[in-house]
C-alpha atoms as a PDB file:
ATOM      1  CA  MET A   1      30.525 -99.078 -81.889  1.00  0.00           C
ATOM      2  CA  LYS A   2      32.383-101.491 -79.604  1.00  0.00           C
ATOM      3  CA  SER A   3      35.166 -98.945 -79.284  1.00  0.00           C
ATOM      4  CA  VAL A   4      32.575 -96.393 -78.110  1.00  0.00           C
ATOM      5  CA  LEU A   5      31.359 -98.824 -75.437  1.00  0.00           C
ATOM      6  CA  ILE A   6      34.914 -99.476 -74.295  1.00  0.00           C
ATOM      7  CA  LEU A   7      35.526 -95.721 -74.163  1.00  0.00           C
ATOM      8  CA  VAL A   8      32.383 -95.217 -72.055  1.00  0.00           C
ATOM      9  CA  LEU A   9      33.419 -98.038 -69.724  1.00  0.00           C
ATOM     10  CA  ALA A  10      36.942 -96.659 -69.403  1.00  0.00           C
ATOM     11  CA  THR A  11      35.540 -93.217 -68.615  1.00  0.00           C
ATOM     12  CA  PHE A  12      33.370 -94.637 -65.826  1.00  0.00           C
ATOM     13  CA  ILE A  13      36.249 -96.682 -64.419  1.00  0.00           C
ATOM     14  CA  PHE A  14      38.784 -93.860 -64.351  1.00  0.00           C
ATOM     15  CA  THR A  15      36.436 -91.115 -63.147  1.00  0.00           C
ATOM     16  CA  ALA A  16      34.744 -93.079 -60.394  1.00  0.00           C
ATOM     17  CA  CYS A  17      37.319 -92.447 -57.691  1.00  0.00           C
ATOM     18  CA  ASN A  18      36.163 -93.284 -54.209  1.00  0.00           C
ATOM     19  CA  SER A  19      38.296 -93.819 -51.122  1.00  0.00           C
ATOM     20  CA  ASP A  20      35.820 -96.344 -49.733  1.00  0.00           C
ATOM     21  CA  ASP A  21      36.299 -99.946 -50.772  1.00  0.00           C
ATOM     22  CA  ASP A  22      32.708-100.744 -51.752  1.00  0.00           C
ATOM     23  CA  THR A  23      32.510-104.216 -53.200  1.00  0.00           C
ATOM     24  CA  VAL A  24      29.561-105.919 -54.801  1.00  0.00           C
ATOM     25  CA  GLU A  25      28.355-108.950 -52.893  1.00  0.00           C
ATOM     26  CA  ALA A  26      28.542-112.439 -54.387  1.00  0.00           C
ATOM     27  CA  GLY A  27      25.572-113.272 -56.580  1.00  0.00           C
ATOM     28  CA  ASP A  28      25.021-109.676 -57.578  1.00  0.00           C
ATOM     29  CA  TYR A  29      25.044-108.539 -61.173  1.00  0.00           C
ATOM     30  CA  LEU A  30      25.263-105.394 -63.202  1.00  0.00           C
ATOM     31  CA  ILE A  31      23.287-104.768 -66.386  1.00  0.00           C
ATOM     32  CA  PHE A  32      24.643-101.877 -68.418  1.00  0.00           C
ATOM     33  CA  GLY A  33      24.753-100.514 -71.936  1.00  0.00           C
ATOM     34  CA  HIS A  34      23.498 -97.838 -74.282  1.00  0.00           C
ATOM     35  CA  PHE A  35      20.441 -97.254 -76.471  1.00  0.00           C
ATOM     36  CA  TYR A  36      19.500 -94.952 -79.349  1.00  0.00           C
ATOM     37  CA  GLY A  37      15.900 -94.567 -80.532  1.00  0.00           C
ATOM     38  CA  MET A  38      16.361 -92.963 -83.944  1.00  0.00           C
ATOM     39  CA  CYS A  39      18.913 -95.464 -85.144  1.00  0.00           C
ATOM     40  CA  GLY A  40      19.060 -98.339 -87.586  1.00  0.00           C
ATOM     41  CA  GLY A  41      21.034-101.509 -87.186  1.00  0.00           C
ATOM     42  CA  GLU A  42      22.119-104.023 -84.596  1.00  0.00           C
ATOM     43  CA  GLU A  43      24.340-101.663 -82.608  1.00  0.00           C
ATOM     44  CA  CYS A  44      21.569 -99.204 -81.650  1.00  0.00           C
ATOM     45  CA  VAL A  45      20.907-101.084 -78.424  1.00  0.00           C
ATOM     46  CA  GLU A  46      23.831-102.795 -76.694  1.00  0.00           C
ATOM     47  CA  ILE A  47      23.062-104.211 -73.254  1.00  0.00           C
ATOM     48  CA  PHE A  48      25.364-106.437 -71.196  1.00  0.00           C
ATOM     49  CA  LYS A  49      25.052-108.381 -67.951  1.00  0.00           C
ATOM     50  CA  LEU A  50      28.125-108.709 -65.755  1.00  0.00           C
ATOM     51  CA  THR A  51      28.314-111.234 -62.924  1.00  0.00           C
ATOM     52  CA  ASP A  52      31.244-112.156 -60.704  1.00  0.00           C
ATOM     53  CA  SER A  53      32.495-114.691 -63.224  1.00  0.00           C
ATOM     54  CA  LYS A  54      30.871-114.094 -66.617  1.00  0.00           C
ATOM     55  CA  LEU A  55      29.825-111.423 -69.106  1.00  0.00           C
ATOM     56  CA  TYR A  56      26.695-111.778 -71.217  1.00  0.00           C
ATOM     57  CA  GLU A  57      25.285-109.780 -74.133  1.00  0.00           C
ATOM     58  CA  ASP A  58      21.589-109.210 -74.746  1.00  0.00           C
ATOM     59  CA  THR A  59      20.495-110.737 -78.049  1.00  0.00           C
ATOM     60  CA  ASN A  60      17.102-109.016 -78.329  1.00  0.00           C
ATOM     61  CA  ASP A  61      18.430-105.483 -78.870  1.00  0.00           C
ATOM     62  CA  ASN A  62      14.984-104.162 -77.940  1.00  0.00           C
ATOM     63  CA  TYR A  63      14.799-100.385 -77.376  1.00  0.00           C
ATOM     64  CA  THR A  64      12.256-100.800 -74.570  1.00  0.00           C
ATOM     65  CA  LEU A  65      14.742-103.026 -72.708  1.00  0.00           C
ATOM     66  CA  ASP A  66      11.973-105.571 -72.103  1.00  0.00           C
ATOM     67  CA  ASN A  67      12.517-109.333 -72.210  1.00  0.00           C
ATOM     68  CA  LEU A  68      16.302-109.262 -72.118  1.00  0.00           C
ATOM     69  CA  LYS A  69      17.863-112.518 -73.343  1.00  0.00           C
ATOM     70  CA  PHE A  70      21.554-112.980 -72.744  1.00  0.00           C
ATOM     71  CA  ARG A  71      24.245-115.097 -74.363  1.00  0.00           C
ATOM     72  CA  GLU A  72      27.597-115.693 -72.711  1.00  0.00           C
ATOM     73  CA  LEU A  73      30.640-113.884 -74.107  1.00  0.00           C
ATOM     74  CA  ASP A  74      34.217-115.165 -74.084  1.00  0.00           C
ATOM     75  CA  GLN A  75      36.600-114.956 -71.122  1.00  0.00           C
ATOM     76  CA  ALA A  76      38.860-112.344 -72.770  1.00  0.00           C
ATOM     77  CA  THR A  77      35.927-109.936 -73.088  1.00  0.00           C
ATOM     78  CA  PHE A  78      34.920-110.592 -69.467  1.00  0.00           C
ATOM     79  CA  ASP A  79      38.476-109.851 -68.321  1.00  0.00           C
ATOM     80  CA  LYS A  80      38.278-106.367 -69.880  1.00  0.00           C
ATOM     81  CA  VAL A  81      35.265-105.330 -67.772  1.00  0.00           C
ATOM     82  CA  LYS A  82      35.304-107.644 -64.736  1.00  0.00           C
ATOM     83  CA  ASP A  83      36.017-104.820 -62.257  1.00  0.00           C
ATOM     84  CA  PHE A  84      33.488-102.388 -63.726  1.00  0.00           C
ATOM     85  CA  LYS A  85      30.898-103.117 -61.004  1.00  0.00           C
ATOM     86  CA  ASN A  86      33.157-101.722 -58.312  1.00  0.00           C
ATOM     87  CA  ALA A  87      33.794 -98.503 -60.257  1.00  0.00           C
ATOM     88  CA  ILE A  88      30.219 -97.218 -60.055  1.00  0.00           C
ATOM     89  CA  PRO A  89      30.103 -94.066 -57.899  1.00  0.00           C
ATOM     90  CA  GLU A  90      28.467 -94.540 -54.501  1.00  0.00           C
ATOM     91  CA  GLN A  91      26.143 -91.592 -55.188  1.00  0.00           C
ATOM     92  CA  LEU A  92      24.501 -93.508 -58.042  1.00  0.00           C
ATOM     93  CA  LEU A  93      23.923 -96.472 -55.741  1.00  0.00           C
ATOM     94  CA  THR A  94      22.345 -94.449 -52.929  1.00  0.00           C
ATOM     95  CA  ASP A  95      20.382 -91.850 -54.906  1.00  0.00           C
ATOM     96  CA  GLU A  96      16.640 -92.531 -55.029  1.00  0.00           C
ATOM     97  CA  THR A  97      16.396 -91.024 -58.510  1.00  0.00           C
ATOM     98  CA  THR A  98      15.806 -93.716 -61.122  1.00  0.00           C
ATOM     99  CA  VAL A  99      16.278 -91.599 -64.253  1.00  0.00           C
ATOM    100  CA  PHE A 100      18.920 -88.910 -64.609  1.00  0.00           C
ATOM    101  CA  GLY A 101      18.371 -86.170 -67.162  1.00  0.00           C
ATOM    102  CA  CYS A 102      16.396 -86.969 -70.284  1.00  0.00           C
ATOM    103  CA  PRO A 103      17.785 -90.178 -71.802  1.00  0.00           C
ATOM    104  CA  ASP A 104      17.644 -90.243 -75.601  1.00  0.00           C
ATOM    105  CA  CYS A 105      16.017 -86.800 -75.822  1.00  0.00           C
ATOM    106  CA  ALA A 106      17.019 -84.966 -78.987  1.00  0.00           C
ATOM    107  CA  ASP A 107      18.312 -88.304 -80.295  1.00  0.00           C
ATOM    108  CA  GLY A 108      21.290 -88.171 -77.964  1.00  0.00           C
ATOM    109  CA  GLY A 109      21.057 -91.766 -76.811  1.00  0.00           C
ATOM    110  CA  GLY A 110      20.973 -93.018 -73.270  1.00  0.00           C
ATOM    111  CA  LEU A 111      23.025 -95.100 -70.878  1.00  0.00           C
ATOM    112  CA  TYR A 112      21.411 -97.923 -68.907  1.00  0.00           C
ATOM    113  CA  ILE A 113      22.691 -99.145 -65.541  1.00  0.00           C
ATOM    114  CA  GLN A 114      20.927-101.678 -63.306  1.00  0.00           C
ATOM    115  CA  LEU A 115      22.678-103.095 -60.258  1.00  0.00           C
ATOM    116  CA  SER A 116      21.208-105.966 -58.307  1.00  0.00           C
END
Protein backbone atom coordinates (compact mmCIF):
# COMPACT_ATOMS: atom_id res chain seq x y z
CA MET A 1 0.00 0.00 0.00
CA LYS A 2 2.93 2.35 0.63
CA SER A 3 4.06 1.80 -2.94
CA VAL A 4 0.59 2.90 -4.11
CA LEU A 5 0.90 6.11 -2.07
CA ILE A 6 4.35 6.78 -3.49
CA LEU A 7 2.99 6.18 -6.99
CA VAL A 8 0.13 8.63 -6.37
CA LEU A 9 2.56 11.22 -5.01
CA ALA A 10 4.91 10.75 -7.95
CA THR A 11 2.01 11.15 -10.36
CA PHE A 12 0.99 14.44 -8.74
CA ILE A 13 4.57 15.71 -8.72
CA PHE A 14 5.33 14.91 -12.34
CA THR A 15 1.98 15.97 -13.80
CA ALA A 16 1.65 19.25 -11.94
CA CYS A 17 3.68 21.37 -14.33
CA ASN A 18 3.28 25.08 -13.84
CA SER A 19 5.53 27.85 -15.11
CA ASP A 20 4.74 30.01 -12.09
CA ASP A 21 6.92 29.54 -9.04
CA ASP A 22 4.18 29.28 -6.41
CA THR A 23 5.69 28.49 -3.05
CA VAL A 24 3.93 27.68 0.17
CA GLU A 25 4.52 30.24 2.89
CA ALA A 26 6.37 29.35 6.09
CA GLY A 27 4.12 27.81 8.72
CA ASP A 28 1.78 26.31 6.17
CA TYR A 29 1.05 22.62 6.00
CA LEU A 30 -0.44 20.07 3.69
CA ILE A 31 -2.62 17.17 4.83
CA PHE A 32 -3.01 14.49 2.18
CA GLY A 33 -3.77 10.82 1.77
CA HIS A 34 -6.31 8.28 0.64
CA PHE A 35 -9.35 6.52 2.11
CA TYR A 36 -11.46 3.47 1.26
CA GLY A 37 -14.82 2.81 2.94
CA MET A 38 -15.39 -0.86 2.13
CA CYS A 39 -11.99 -1.99 3.28
CA GLY A 40 -10.53 -3.90 6.19
CA GLY A 41 -7.21 -3.28 7.83
CA GLU A 42 -4.88 -0.50 8.85
CA GLU A 43 -4.06 0.69 5.34
CA CYS A 44 -7.64 1.64 4.38
CA VAL A 45 -7.11 5.20 5.56
CA GLU A 46 -3.64 6.72 5.21
CA ILE A 47 -3.42 10.43 6.01
CA PHE A 48 -0.22 12.46 6.32
CA LYS A 49 0.65 15.99 7.39
CA LEU A 50 3.57 17.71 5.69
CA THR A 51 5.15 20.87 7.10
CA ASP A 52 8.25 22.73 5.96
CA SER A 53 10.48 20.52 8.07
CA LYS A 54 8.62 17.37 9.11
CA LEU A 55 6.25 14.65 7.92
CA TYR A 56 3.62 13.14 10.20
CA GLU A 57 1.26 10.18 9.85
CA ASP A 58 -2.24 10.06 11.29
CA THR A 59 -2.58 7.27 13.85
CA ASN A 60 -6.38 7.23 14.09
CA ASP A 61 -7.05 5.89 10.58
CA ASN A 62 -10.64 7.11 10.92
CA TYR A 63 -12.68 7.04 7.69
CA THR A 64 -14.52 10.24 8.64
CA LEU A 65 -11.17 12.04 8.90
CA ASP A 66 -12.24 13.49 12.26
CA ASN A 67 -9.88 13.94 15.20
CA LEU A 68 -6.65 13.44 13.29
CA LYS A 69 -3.72 12.56 15.57
CA PHE A 70 -0.27 12.65 14.04
CA ARG A 71 3.04 11.02 14.90
CA GLU A 72 6.31 12.21 13.42
CA LEU A 73 7.95 10.08 10.73
CA ASP A 74 11.68 9.76 10.08
CA GLN A 75 13.77 12.24 8.09
CA ALA A 76 14.32 9.85 5.15
CA THR A 77 10.56 9.58 4.60
CA PHE A 78 10.20 13.37 4.83
CA ASP A 79 12.95 13.81 2.23
CA LYS A 80 10.94 11.73 -0.27
CA VAL A 81 7.92 14.07 -0.17
CA LYS A 82 9.27 17.41 1.09
CA ASP A 83 8.58 19.24 -2.20
CA PHE A 84 5.10 17.78 -2.71
CA LYS A 85 3.37 20.96 -1.45
CA ASN A 86 4.74 22.99 -4.33
CA ALA A 87 3.57 20.45 -6.92
CA ILE A 88 -0.15 20.98 -6.33
CA PRO A 89 -1.73 22.56 -9.43
CA GLU A 90 -2.74 26.20 -9.00
CA GLN A 91 -6.26 25.39 -10.22
CA LEU A 92 -6.85 23.19 -7.16
CA LEU A 93 -5.74 26.02 -4.89
CA THR A 94 -7.98 28.66 -6.47
CA ASP A 95 -11.08 26.60 -7.28
CA GLU A 96 -13.97 27.17 -4.87
CA THR A 97 -15.11 23.56 -5.24
CA THR A 98 -14.39 21.57 -2.09
CA VAL A 99 -15.20 18.09 -3.41
CA PHE A 100 -14.30 16.88 -6.88
CA GLY A 101 -16.28 14.01 -8.36
CA CYS A 102 -17.73 11.41 -6.03
CA PRO A 103 -14.98 10.27 -3.65
CA ASP A 104 -15.26 6.60 -2.67
CA CYS A 105 -18.41 6.05 -4.75
CA ALA A 106 -18.62 2.51 -6.07
CA ASP A 107 -15.89 1.60 -3.58
CA GLY A 108 -13.28 3.39 -5.65
CA GLY A 109 -11.61 5.16 -2.76
CA GLY A 110 -10.87 8.83 -2.45
CA LEU A 111 -7.94 11.20 -2.22
CA TYR A 112 -7.81 13.84 0.51
CA ILE A 113 -5.93 17.13 0.17
CA GLN A 114 -6.06 20.01 2.66
CA LEU A 115 -3.69 22.95 2.33
CA SER A 116 -3.41 25.56 5.03
